[in-house]
Amino acid sequence: MGVFVSIRGWLECDEQQLAAVREVIADHSDGHYSGGWGFPDRHFNWTYYVFYGGDVRESAVDWFLEQLRSMAAIPASHEDGDRVIGFFVASSEVAPQVEWQVRGGSVTTRPTDHRLDYLAE
C-alpha cells in the first residue's frame, strides 16, 4: 500500500503574489494531488490565503516541497518588502512529524513543537 504523509497548512500573500502562486500550482499540476490546493470563494480585506490539505504518497513529498520553495521565492511586490509566508505540518506513520515554515524567501524544515503532537495521533 505504501506510506502516506498528511500535509496541511496555508500561505499568506498579496494579490500579485497570489497570481504567481497560482502559476506555480499550474506548472506542477499532476491531476491528482494538486487537488489539495484551495482558495477562499470570496476574498475580503487585504491578505490572500492559499490552503493545502491532503494525504500524499511519501514519494510525492519532494513534489510538494518543490512547489513550496518556488512559492517562497516569489519576490515582494510592494515597497513594504512583504514576501509570501506560510506554515505547513507533515506527519506520517513512519517518520517524525515536521513543520515547514515559509518565510524570508525559503522553506525551513523543523521538528514540530510537542504542542502539535495531537496532529500525528
Protein backbone atom coordinates (compact mmCIF):
# COMPACT_ATOMS: atom_id res chain seq x y z
CA MET A 1 0.00 0.00 0.00
CA GLY A 2 2.85 2.44 0.70
CA VAL A 3 3.48 5.21 3.15
CA PHE A 4 1.29 8.29 3.12
CA VAL A 5 2.11 11.71 4.53
CA SER A 6 -0.62 14.06 5.74
CA ILE A 7 0.18 17.61 4.65
CA ARG A 8 -1.86 20.58 5.79
CA GLY A 9 -1.21 24.27 6.03
CA TRP A 10 -1.50 27.67 4.42
CA LEU A 11 0.27 30.54 2.69
CA GLU A 12 -0.32 34.27 3.08
CA CYS A 13 0.38 36.68 0.24
CA ASP A 14 -0.82 39.75 -1.63
CA GLU A 15 -2.83 39.85 -4.85
CA GLN A 16 0.16 39.94 -7.20
CA GLN A 17 1.89 37.13 -5.33
CA LEU A 18 -1.33 35.12 -5.46
CA ALA A 19 -1.19 35.17 -9.27
CA ALA A 20 2.37 33.82 -9.08
CA VAL A 21 1.33 31.13 -6.57
CA ARG A 22 -1.43 30.02 -8.93
CA GLU A 23 1.16 29.77 -11.73
CA VAL A 24 3.40 27.57 -9.60
CA ILE A 25 0.46 25.28 -8.83
CA ALA A 26 -0.49 25.09 -12.51
CA ASP A 27 3.12 24.38 -13.53
CA HIS A 28 3.27 21.47 -11.07
CA SER A 29 -0.22 20.11 -11.70
CA ASP A 30 -0.34 16.33 -11.53
CA GLY A 31 -4.09 15.89 -11.93
CA HIS A 32 -4.33 14.20 -8.54
CA TYR A 33 -2.54 15.65 -5.50
CA SER A 34 -2.85 19.14 -6.99
CA GLY A 35 -6.50 18.94 -5.96
CA GLY A 36 -5.40 19.55 -2.38
CA TRP A 37 -4.82 23.24 -3.06
CA GLY A 38 -7.72 25.50 -2.12
CA PHE A 39 -8.65 29.16 -2.18
CA PRO A 40 -11.40 31.09 -0.40
CA ASP A 41 -14.52 31.53 -2.53
CA ARG A 42 -14.54 35.26 -1.94
CA HIS A 43 -11.65 37.50 -0.97
CA PHE A 44 -12.10 40.13 1.74
CA ASN A 45 -9.73 42.61 3.34
CA TRP A 46 -6.08 42.68 2.28
CA THR A 47 -4.35 39.31 2.83
CA TYR A 48 -4.85 36.48 0.36
CA TYR A 49 -4.72 32.93 1.73
CA VAL A 50 -3.94 29.68 -0.04
CA PHE A 51 -4.53 26.35 1.70
CA TYR A 52 -3.35 22.80 1.15
CA GLY A 53 -4.69 19.66 2.73
CA GLY A 54 -4.13 16.12 1.60
CA ASP A 55 -2.65 12.71 2.21
CA VAL A 56 0.07 12.12 -0.38
CA ARG A 57 2.37 9.19 -1.02
CA GLU A 58 5.76 9.65 0.59
CA SER A 59 7.27 9.79 -2.92
CA ALA A 60 5.23 12.96 -3.64
CA VAL A 61 6.62 14.97 -0.70
CA ASP A 62 9.51 16.28 -2.81
CA TRP A 63 6.97 17.33 -5.48
CA PHE A 64 5.13 19.33 -2.83
CA LEU A 65 8.28 20.86 -1.32
CA GLU A 66 9.46 21.95 -4.76
CA GLN A 67 6.24 23.94 -5.09
CA LEU A 68 6.63 25.46 -1.64
CA ARG A 69 10.20 26.52 -2.42
CA SER A 70 9.07 28.13 -5.67
CA MET A 71 6.29 29.95 -3.84
CA ALA A 72 8.65 31.11 -1.08
CA ALA A 73 10.97 32.55 -3.73
CA ILE A 74 8.25 34.82 -5.14
CA PRO A 75 9.55 38.35 -4.61
CA ALA A 76 7.83 41.10 -2.69
CA SER A 77 5.53 43.03 -4.97
CA HIS A 78 5.44 46.29 -2.99
CA GLU A 79 7.97 48.56 -1.34
CA ASP A 80 6.95 47.15 2.06
CA GLY A 81 9.05 44.08 1.23
CA ASP A 82 6.46 41.54 2.38
CA ARG A 83 7.20 38.09 0.99
CA VAL A 84 4.98 35.02 0.83
CA ILE A 85 4.81 33.42 4.27
CA GLY A 86 3.20 30.22 5.49
CA PHE A 87 3.13 27.23 7.77
CA PHE A 88 2.62 23.55 6.98
CA VAL A 89 2.68 20.38 9.06
CA ALA A 90 3.58 16.97 7.62
CA SER A 91 3.07 13.73 9.51
CA SER A 92 3.28 10.06 8.67
CA GLU A 93 3.28 6.74 10.49
CA VAL A 94 6.99 6.12 9.85
CA ALA A 95 8.74 9.46 10.34
CA PRO A 96 8.69 12.21 12.94
CA GLN A 97 6.22 14.99 12.34
CA VAL A 98 7.77 18.13 10.84
CA GLU A 99 6.76 21.69 10.11
CA TRP A 100 7.66 23.65 7.03
CA GLN A 101 7.97 27.38 7.64
CA VAL A 102 7.71 29.52 4.52
CA ARG A 103 9.43 32.83 5.19
CA GLY A 104 12.26 35.03 4.04
CA GLY A 105 12.26 33.54 0.56
CA SER A 106 12.85 29.94 1.60
CA VAL A 107 11.35 26.91 3.35
CA THR A 108 12.74 25.82 6.70
CA THR A 109 12.09 22.28 7.96
CA ARG A 110 11.94 21.68 11.70
CA PRO A 111 10.52 19.09 14.06
CA THR A 112 7.14 20.22 15.31
CA ASP A 113 6.72 21.54 18.80
CA HIS A 114 5.22 19.00 21.24
CA ARG A 115 2.03 21.08 21.30
CA LEU A 116 1.29 19.82 17.77
CA ASP A 117 1.70 16.14 18.67
CA TYR A 118 -2.06 15.65 18.58
CA LEU A 119 -1.93 16.13 14.79
CA ALA A 120 0.08 12.92 14.42
CA GLU A 121 -2.25 10.74 16.52
